[in-house]
PDB file of all heavy atoms in Angstrom:
ATOM      1  N   ARG A   1     174.536 190.464 -30.373  1.00  0.00           N
ATOM      2  CA  ARG A   1     174.516 189.116 -30.193  1.00  0.00           C
ATOM      3  C   ARG A   1     175.876 188.379 -30.310  1.00  0.00           C
ATOM      4  O   ARG A   1     176.714 188.907 -30.908  1.00  0.00           O
ATOM      5  CB  ARG A   1     173.548 188.372 -31.114  1.00  0.00           C
ATOM      6  CG  ARG A   1     173.952 188.379 -32.611  1.00  0.00           C
ATOM      7  CD  ARG A   1     172.782 187.856 -33.415  1.00  0.00           C
ATOM      8  NE  ARG A   1     173.216 187.765 -34.828  1.00  0.00           N
ATOM      9  CZ  ARG A   1     172.314 187.492 -35.759  1.00  0.00           C
ATOM     10  NH1 ARG A   1     171.023 187.210 -35.553  1.00  0.00           N
ATOM     11  NH2 ARG A   1     172.786 187.422 -37.141  1.00  0.00           N
ATOM     12  N   GLN A   2     175.964 187.260 -29.624  1.00  0.00           N
ATOM     13  CA  GLN A   2     177.280 186.540 -29.693  1.00  0.00           C
ATOM     14  C   GLN A   2     176.936 185.108 -29.734  1.00  0.00           C
ATOM     15  O   GLN A   2     176.353 184.570 -28.860  1.00  0.00           O
ATOM     16  CB  GLN A   2     178.130 186.830 -28.465  1.00  0.00           C
ATOM     17  CG  GLN A   2     179.486 186.185 -28.566  1.00  0.00           C
ATOM     18  CD  GLN A   2     180.484 186.760 -27.483  1.00  0.00           C
ATOM     19  OE1 GLN A   2     180.036 187.415 -26.513  1.00  0.00           O
ATOM     20  NE2 GLN A   2     181.729 186.667 -27.716  1.00  0.00           N
ATOM     21  N   ALA A   3     177.351 184.422 -30.869  1.00  0.00           N
ATOM     22  CA  ALA A   3     177.138 182.992 -31.000  1.00  0.00           C
ATOM     23  C   ALA A   3     178.408 182.355 -30.512  1.00  0.00           C
ATOM     24  O   ALA A   3     179.482 182.956 -30.491  1.00  0.00           O
ATOM     25  CB  ALA A   3     176.967 182.724 -32.478  1.00  0.00           C
ATOM     26  N   PRO A   4     178.275 181.010 -30.202  1.00  0.00           N
ATOM     27  CA  PRO A   4     179.509 180.302 -29.682  1.00  0.00           C
ATOM     28  C   PRO A   4     180.603 180.354 -30.784  1.00  0.00           C
ATOM     29  O   PRO A   4     180.531 180.141 -31.872  1.00  0.00           O
ATOM     30  CB  PRO A   4     179.010 178.835 -29.536  1.00  0.00           C
ATOM     31  CG  PRO A   4     177.556 179.007 -29.337  1.00  0.00           C
ATOM     32  CD  PRO A   4     177.160 180.246 -30.202  1.00  0.00           C
ATOM     33  N   GLY A   5     181.843 180.709 -30.158  1.00  0.00           N
ATOM     34  CA  GLY A   5     183.080 180.760 -30.984  1.00  0.00           C
ATOM     35  C   GLY A   5     183.169 181.995 -31.901  1.00  0.00           C
ATOM     36  O   GLY A   5     184.131 182.067 -32.706  1.00  0.00           O
ATOM     37  N   LYS A   6     182.184 183.024 -31.757  1.00  0.00           N
ATOM     38  CA  LYS A   6     182.158 184.160 -32.621  1.00  0.00           C
ATOM     39  C   LYS A   6     182.268 185.385 -31.832  1.00  0.00           C
ATOM     40  O   LYS A   6     181.963 185.370 -30.550  1.00  0.00           O
ATOM     41  CB  LYS A   6     180.964 184.191 -33.499  1.00  0.00           C
ATOM     42  CG  LYS A   6     180.912 183.086 -34.532  1.00  0.00           C
ATOM     43  CD  LYS A   6     179.735 183.273 -35.465  1.00  0.00           C
ATOM     44  CE  LYS A   6     179.687 182.198 -36.555  1.00  0.00           C
ATOM     45  NZ  LYS A   6     178.632 182.400 -37.477  1.00  0.00           N
ATOM     46  N   GLN A   7     182.642 186.490 -32.398  1.00  0.00           N
ATOM     47  CA  GLN A   7     182.719 187.754 -31.709  1.00  0.00           C
ATOM     48  C   GLN A   7     181.280 188.328 -31.561  1.00  0.00           C
ATOM     49  O   GLN A   7     180.461 188.083 -32.362  1.00  0.00           O
ATOM     50  CB  GLN A   7     183.600 188.771 -32.417  1.00  0.00           C
ATOM     51  CG  GLN A   7     185.028 188.350 -32.395  1.00  0.00           C
ATOM     52  CD  GLN A   7     185.904 189.502 -33.053  1.00  0.00           C
ATOM     53  OE1 GLN A   7     185.460 190.157 -33.910  1.00  0.00           O
ATOM     54  NE2 GLN A   7     187.114 189.603 -32.597  1.00  0.00           N
ATOM     55  N   ARG A   8     181.073 189.206 -30.532  1.00  0.00           N
ATOM     56  CA  ARG A   8     179.797 189.925 -30.379  1.00  0.00           C
ATOM     57  C   ARG A   8     179.654 190.888 -31.543  1.00  0.00           C
ATOM     58  O   ARG A   8     180.556 191.602 -31.941  1.00  0.00           O
ATOM     59  CB  ARG A   8     179.849 190.669 -29.047  1.00  0.00           C
ATOM     60  CG  ARG A   8     178.556 191.270 -28.678  1.00  0.00           C
ATOM     61  CD  ARG A   8     178.547 191.831 -27.277  1.00  0.00           C
ATOM     62  NE  ARG A   8     178.780 190.881 -26.293  1.00  0.00           N
ATOM     63  CZ  ARG A   8     178.693 191.132 -24.876  1.00  0.00           C
ATOM     64  NH1 ARG A   8     178.382 192.371 -24.508  1.00  0.00           N
ATOM     65  NH2 ARG A   8     179.026 190.177 -24.044  1.00  0.00           N
ATOM     66  N   GLU A   9     178.400 190.872 -32.125  1.00  0.00           N
ATOM     67  CA  GLU A   9     178.128 191.721 -33.282  1.00  0.00           C
ATOM     68  C   GLU A   9     176.886 192.515 -33.090  1.00  0.00           C
ATOM     69  O   GLU A   9     175.998 192.130 -32.346  1.00  0.00           O
ATOM     70  CB  GLU A   9     177.974 190.861 -34.548  1.00  0.00           C
ATOM     71  CG  GLU A   9     176.872 189.876 -34.493  1.00  0.00           C
ATOM     72  CD  GLU A   9     176.622 189.090 -35.790  1.00  0.00           C
ATOM     73  OE1 GLU A   9     177.447 189.367 -36.683  1.00  0.00           O
ATOM     74  OE2 GLU A   9     175.727 188.338 -35.837  1.00  0.00           O
ATOM     75  N   LEU A  10     176.858 193.747 -33.641  1.00  0.00           N
ATOM     76  CA  LEU A  10     175.629 194.529 -33.627  1.00  0.00           C
ATOM     77  C   LEU A  10     174.587 193.869 -34.484  1.00  0.00           C
ATOM     78  O   LEU A  10     174.789 193.460 -35.575  1.00  0.00           O
ATOM     79  CB  LEU A  10     175.983 195.914 -34.154  1.00  0.00           C
ATOM     80  CG  LEU A  10     174.800 196.848 -34.268  1.00  0.00           C
ATOM     81  CD1 LEU A  10     174.249 197.311 -32.982  1.00  0.00           C
ATOM     82  CD2 LEU A  10     175.171 198.093 -35.108  1.00  0.00           C
ATOM     83  N   VAL A  11     173.344 193.827 -33.862  1.00  0.00           N
ATOM     84  CA  VAL A  11     172.171 193.414 -34.525  1.00  0.00           C
ATOM     85  C   VAL A  11     171.426 194.554 -35.056  1.00  0.00           C
ATOM     86  O   VAL A  11     171.072 194.631 -36.314  1.00  0.00           O
ATOM     87  CB  VAL A  11     171.292 192.509 -33.668  1.00  0.00           C
ATOM     88  CG1 VAL A  11     170.000 192.052 -34.309  1.00  0.00           C
ATOM     89  CG2 VAL A  11     172.047 191.297 -33.132  1.00  0.00           C
ATOM     90  N   ALA A  12     171.064 195.504 -34.148  1.00  0.00           N
ATOM     91  CA  ALA A  12     170.243 196.662 -34.460  1.00  0.00           C
ATOM     92  C   ALA A  12     170.371 197.647 -33.395  1.00  0.00           C
ATOM     93  O   ALA A  12     170.556 197.340 -32.234  1.00  0.00           O
ATOM     94  CB  ALA A  12     168.776 196.350 -34.714  1.00  0.00           C
ATOM     95  N   GLU A  13     170.297 198.946 -33.775  1.00  0.00           N
ATOM     96  CA  GLU A  13     170.328 199.990 -32.774  1.00  0.00           C
ATOM     97  C   GLU A  13     169.399 201.143 -33.273  1.00  0.00           C
ATOM     98  O   GLU A  13     169.121 201.263 -34.360  1.00  0.00           O
ATOM     99  CB  GLU A  13     171.742 200.564 -32.544  1.00  0.00           C
ATOM    100  CG  GLU A  13     172.378 201.141 -33.761  1.00  0.00           C
ATOM    101  CD  GLU A  13     173.845 201.612 -33.557  1.00  0.00           C
ATOM    102  OE1 GLU A  13     174.315 201.362 -32.439  1.00  0.00           O
ATOM    103  OE2 GLU A  13     174.401 202.101 -34.527  1.00  0.00           O
ATOM    104  N   VAL A  14     168.998 201.881 -32.243  1.00  0.00           N
ATOM    105  CA  VAL A  14     167.999 202.985 -32.526  1.00  0.00           C
ATOM    106  C   VAL A  14     168.611 204.264 -31.791  1.00  0.00           C
ATOM    107  O   VAL A  14     168.934 204.192 -30.570  1.00  0.00           O
ATOM    108  CB  VAL A  14     166.584 202.687 -32.220  1.00  0.00           C
ATOM    109  CG1 VAL A  14     166.426 202.319 -30.689  1.00  0.00           C
ATOM    110  CG2 VAL A  14     165.664 203.827 -32.580  1.00  0.00           C
ATOM    111  N   SER A  15     168.541 205.321 -32.466  1.00  0.00           N
ATOM    112  CA  SER A  15     168.979 206.655 -31.923  1.00  0.00           C
ATOM    113  C   SER A  15     168.153 207.783 -32.442  1.00  0.00           C
ATOM    114  O   SER A  15     168.202 207.948 -33.734  1.00  0.00           O
ATOM    115  CB  SER A  15     170.471 206.837 -32.224  1.00  0.00           C
ATOM    116  OG  SER A  15     170.936 208.074 -31.594  1.00  0.00           O
ATOM    117  N   GLY A  16     167.528 208.451 -31.629  1.00  0.00           N
ATOM    118  CA  GLY A  16     166.740 209.687 -32.133  1.00  0.00           C
ATOM    119  C   GLY A  16     165.660 209.208 -33.130  1.00  0.00           C
ATOM    120  O   GLY A  16     165.397 210.057 -34.118  1.00  0.00           O
ATOM    121  N   GLY A  17     165.154 208.107 -32.985  1.00  0.00           N
ATOM    122  CA  GLY A  17     164.181 207.605 -34.032  1.00  0.00           C
ATOM    123  C   GLY A  17     164.690 206.913 -35.178  1.00  0.00           C
ATOM    124  O   GLY A  17     163.974 206.365 -36.067  1.00  0.00           O
ATOM    125  N   ASN A  18     166.017 206.961 -35.434  1.00  0.00           N
ATOM    126  CA  ASN A  18     166.676 206.372 -36.566  1.00  0.00           C
ATOM    127  C   ASN A  18     167.191 205.021 -36.224  1.00  0.00           C
ATOM    128  O   ASN A  18     167.870 204.814 -35.191  1.00  0.00           O
ATOM    129  CB  ASN A  18     167.829 207.296 -37.090  1.00  0.00           C
ATOM    130  CG  ASN A  18     167.326 208.522 -37.574  1.00  0.00           C
ATOM    131  OD1 ASN A  18     166.293 208.631 -38.382  1.00  0.00           O
ATOM    132  ND2 ASN A  18     167.949 209.707 -37.181  1.00  0.00           N
ATOM    133  N   ALA A  19     166.881 203.988 -37.012  1.00  0.00           N
ATOM    134  CA  ALA A  19     167.264 202.557 -36.744  1.00  0.00           C
ATOM    135  C   ALA A  19     168.348 202.207 -37.773  1.00  0.00           C
ATOM    136  O   ALA A  19     168.347 202.608 -38.922  1.00  0.00           O
ATOM    137  CB  ALA A  19     166.072 201.682 -36.830  1.00  0.00           C
ATOM    138  N   ASN A  20     169.206 201.320 -37.255  1.00  0.00           N
ATOM    139  CA  ASN A  20     170.268 200.722 -38.073  1.00  0.00           C
ATOM    140  C   ASN A  20     170.307 199.278 -37.844  1.00  0.00           C
ATOM    141  O   ASN A  20     170.193 198.757 -36.786  1.00  0.00           O
ATOM    142  CB  ASN A  20     171.592 201.354 -37.646  1.00  0.00           C
ATOM    143  CG  ASN A  20     172.807 200.840 -38.457  1.00  0.00           C
ATOM    144  OD1 ASN A  20     172.673 200.668 -39.724  1.00  0.00           O
ATOM    145  ND2 ASN A  20     173.876 200.569 -37.727  1.00  0.00           N
ATOM    146  N   TYR A  21     170.374 198.420 -38.933  1.00  0.00           N
ATOM    147  CA  TYR A  21     170.353 196.964 -38.849  1.00  0.00           C
ATOM    148  C   TYR A  21     171.571 196.322 -39.440  1.00  0.00           C
ATOM    149  O   TYR A  21     172.103 196.845 -40.493  1.00  0.00           O
ATOM    150  CB  TYR A  21     169.052 196.490 -39.497  1.00  0.00           C
ATOM    151  CG  TYR A  21     167.812 196.898 -38.944  1.00  0.00           C
ATOM    152  CD1 TYR A  21     167.208 197.989 -39.407  1.00  0.00           C
ATOM    153  CD2 TYR A  21     167.174 196.196 -37.896  1.00  0.00           C
ATOM    154  CE1 TYR A  21     165.995 198.470 -38.894  1.00  0.00           C
ATOM    155  CE2 TYR A  21     166.048 196.620 -37.318  1.00  0.00           C
ATOM    156  CZ  TYR A  21     165.405 197.724 -37.755  1.00  0.00           C
ATOM    157  OH  TYR A  21     164.215 198.132 -37.174  1.00  0.00           O
ATOM    158  N   ALA A  22     171.983 195.246 -38.883  1.00  0.00           N
ATOM    159  CA  ALA A  22     172.939 194.463 -39.535  1.00  0.00           C
ATOM    160  C   ALA A  22     172.343 193.856 -40.793  1.00  0.00           C
ATOM    161  O   ALA A  22     171.117 193.628 -40.875  1.00  0.00           O
ATOM    162  CB  ALA A  22     173.386 193.263 -38.656  1.00  0.00           C
ATOM    163  N   ASP A  23     173.071 193.678 -41.914  1.00  0.00           N
ATOM    164  CA  ASP A  23     172.600 193.174 -43.111  1.00  0.00           C
ATOM    165  C   ASP A  23     171.929 191.850 -42.988  1.00  0.00           C
ATOM    166  O   ASP A  23     170.910 191.517 -43.696  1.00  0.00           O
ATOM    167  CB  ASP A  23     173.756 193.116 -44.212  1.00  0.00           C
ATOM    168  CG  ASP A  23     174.257 194.370 -44.732  1.00  0.00           C
ATOM    169  OD1 ASP A  23     173.578 195.303 -44.451  1.00  0.00           O
ATOM    170  OD2 ASP A  23     175.349 194.396 -45.262  1.00  0.00           O
ATOM    171  N   SER A  24     172.445 190.988 -42.131  1.00  0.00           N
ATOM    172  CA  SER A  24     171.951 189.652 -41.932  1.00  0.00           C
ATOM    173  C   SER A  24     170.486 189.591 -41.326  1.00  0.00           C
ATOM    174  O   SER A  24     169.812 188.578 -41.382  1.00  0.00           O
ATOM    175  CB  SER A  24     172.897 188.892 -40.947  1.00  0.00           C
ATOM    176  OG  SER A  24     172.948 189.459 -39.795  1.00  0.00           O
ATOM    177  N   VAL A  25     170.008 190.680 -40.703  1.00  0.00           N
ATOM    178  CA  VAL A  25     168.790 190.716 -40.081  1.00  0.00           C
ATOM    179  C   VAL A  25     167.726 191.768 -40.685  1.00  0.00           C
ATOM    180  O   VAL A  25     166.550 191.737 -40.445  1.00  0.00           O
ATOM    181  CB  VAL A  25     168.840 190.963 -38.608  1.00  0.00           C
ATOM    182  CG1 VAL A  25     169.799 190.064 -37.843  1.00  0.00           C
ATOM    183  CG2 VAL A  25     169.128 192.417 -38.272  1.00  0.00           C
ATOM    184  N   ALA A  26     168.207 192.578 -41.630  1.00  0.00           N
ATOM    185  CA  ALA A  26     167.423 193.646 -42.202  1.00  0.00           C
ATOM    186  C   ALA A  26     166.278 192.936 -42.933  1.00  0.00           C
ATOM    187  O   ALA A  26     166.394 191.977 -43.637  1.00  0.00           O
ATOM    188  CB  ALA A  26     168.269 194.427 -43.126  1.00  0.00           C
ATOM    189  N   GLY A  27     165.061 193.527 -42.717  1.00  0.00           N
ATOM    190  CA  GLY A  27     163.826 192.994 -43.327  1.00  0.00           C
ATOM    191  C   GLY A  27     163.214 191.940 -42.529  1.00  0.00           C
ATOM    192  O   GLY A  27     162.036 191.488 -42.773  1.00  0.00           O
ATOM    193  N   ARG A  28     163.934 191.338 -41.480  1.00  0.00           N
ATOM    194  CA  ARG A  28     163.259 190.380 -40.654  1.00  0.00           C
ATOM    195  C   ARG A  28     163.109 190.831 -39.203  1.00  0.00           C
ATOM    196  O   ARG A  28     162.166 190.386 -38.485  1.00  0.00           O
ATOM    197  CB  ARG A  28     164.189 189.106 -40.617  1.00  0.00           C
ATOM    198  CG  ARG A  28     164.359 188.457 -41.963  1.00  0.00           C
ATOM    199  CD  ARG A  28     165.182 187.181 -41.919  1.00  0.00           C
ATOM    200  NE  ARG A  28     166.543 187.252 -41.356  1.00  0.00           N
ATOM    201  CZ  ARG A  28     166.983 186.710 -40.277  1.00  0.00           C
ATOM    202  NH1 ARG A  28     166.169 185.881 -39.565  1.00  0.00           N
ATOM    203  NH2 ARG A  28     168.204 186.949 -39.890  1.00  0.00           N
ATOM    204  N   PHE A  29     164.022 191.621 -38.705  1.00  0.00           N
ATOM    205  CA  PHE A  29     163.950 192.206 -37.365  1.00  0.00           C
ATOM    206  C   PHE A  29     163.543 193.633 -37.355  1.00  0.00           C
ATOM    207  O   PHE A  29     163.862 194.442 -38.343  1.00  0.00           O
ATOM    208  CB  PHE A  29     165.293 192.085 -36.674  1.00  0.00           C
ATOM    209  CG  PHE A  29     165.847 190.677 -36.472  1.00  0.00           C
ATOM    210  CD1 PHE A  29     165.235 189.599 -36.875  1.00  0.00           C
ATOM    211  CD2 PHE A  29     166.978 190.519 -35.683  1.00  0.00           C
ATOM    212  CE1 PHE A  29     165.585 188.267 -36.599  1.00  0.00           C
ATOM    213  CE2 PHE A  29     167.512 189.197 -35.412  1.00  0.00           C
ATOM    214  CZ  PHE A  29     166.776 188.117 -35.950  1.00  0.00           C
ATOM    215  N   THR A  30     162.851 194.067 -36.367  1.00  0.00           N
ATOM    216  CA  THR A  30     162.436 195.378 -36.174  1.00  0.00           C
ATOM    217  C   THR A  30     162.768 195.911 -34.720  1.00  0.00           C
ATOM    218  O   THR A  30     162.319 195.251 -33.763  1.00  0.00           O
ATOM    219  CB  THR A  30     160.964 195.614 -36.458  1.00  0.00           C
ATOM    220  OG1 THR A  30     160.701 195.200 -37.767  1.00  0.00           O
ATOM    221  CG2 THR A  30     160.570 197.102 -36.327  1.00  0.00           C
ATOM    222  N   ILE A  31     163.558 196.994 -34.625  1.00  0.00           N
ATOM    223  CA  ILE A  31     163.892 197.553 -33.324  1.00  0.00           C
ATOM    224  C   ILE A  31     163.046 198.759 -33.113  1.00  0.00           C
ATOM    225  O   ILE A  31     162.713 199.538 -33.982  1.00  0.00           O
ATOM    226  CB  ILE A  31     165.278 197.885 -33.263  1.00  0.00           C
ATOM    227  CG1 ILE A  31     165.752 198.271 -31.784  1.00  0.00           C
ATOM    228  CG2 ILE A  31     165.597 199.051 -34.198  1.00  0.00           C
ATOM    229  CD1 ILE A  31     167.285 198.437 -31.653  1.00  0.00           C
ATOM    230  N   SER A  32     162.540 198.898 -31.804  1.00  0.00           N
ATOM    231  CA  SER A  32     161.907 200.115 -31.380  1.00  0.00           C
ATOM    232  C   SER A  32     162.305 200.419 -29.962  1.00  0.00           C
ATOM    233  O   SER A  32     162.591 199.556 -29.180  1.00  0.00           O
ATOM    234  CB  SER A  32     160.283 199.838 -31.428  1.00  0.00           C
ATOM    235  OG  SER A  32     159.997 198.681 -30.519  1.00  0.00           O
ATOM    236  N   GLY A  33     162.356 201.703 -29.709  1.00  0.00           N
ATOM    237  CA  GLY A  33     162.867 202.199 -28.473  1.00  0.00           C
ATOM    238  C   GLY A  33     162.240 203.495 -28.011  1.00  0.00           C
ATOM    239  O   GLY A  33     161.722 204.213 -28.806  1.00  0.00           O
ATOM    240  N   ASP A  34     162.363 203.694 -26.690  1.00  0.00           N
ATOM    241  CA  ASP A  34     161.930 204.926 -26.133  1.00  0.00           C
ATOM    242  C   ASP A  34     163.136 205.414 -25.286  1.00  0.00           C
ATOM    243  O   ASP A  34     163.370 204.954 -24.157  1.00  0.00           O
ATOM    244  CB  ASP A  34     160.668 204.648 -25.187  1.00  0.00           C
ATOM    245  CG  ASP A  34     160.169 205.958 -24.620  1.00  0.00           C
ATOM    246  OD1 ASP A  34     160.886 206.912 -24.446  1.00  0.00           O
ATOM    247  OD2 ASP A  34     158.964 205.991 -24.471  1.00  0.00           O
TER     248      ASP A  34
END
């Protein structure tokens, strides 16, 4: 995500069933992928 005036930042990603979250969204956001 990229907010006005800020750099693009990772929110969440998933690889091989393993998910990784930014601290700011952990516990609130859930990523799922195929």
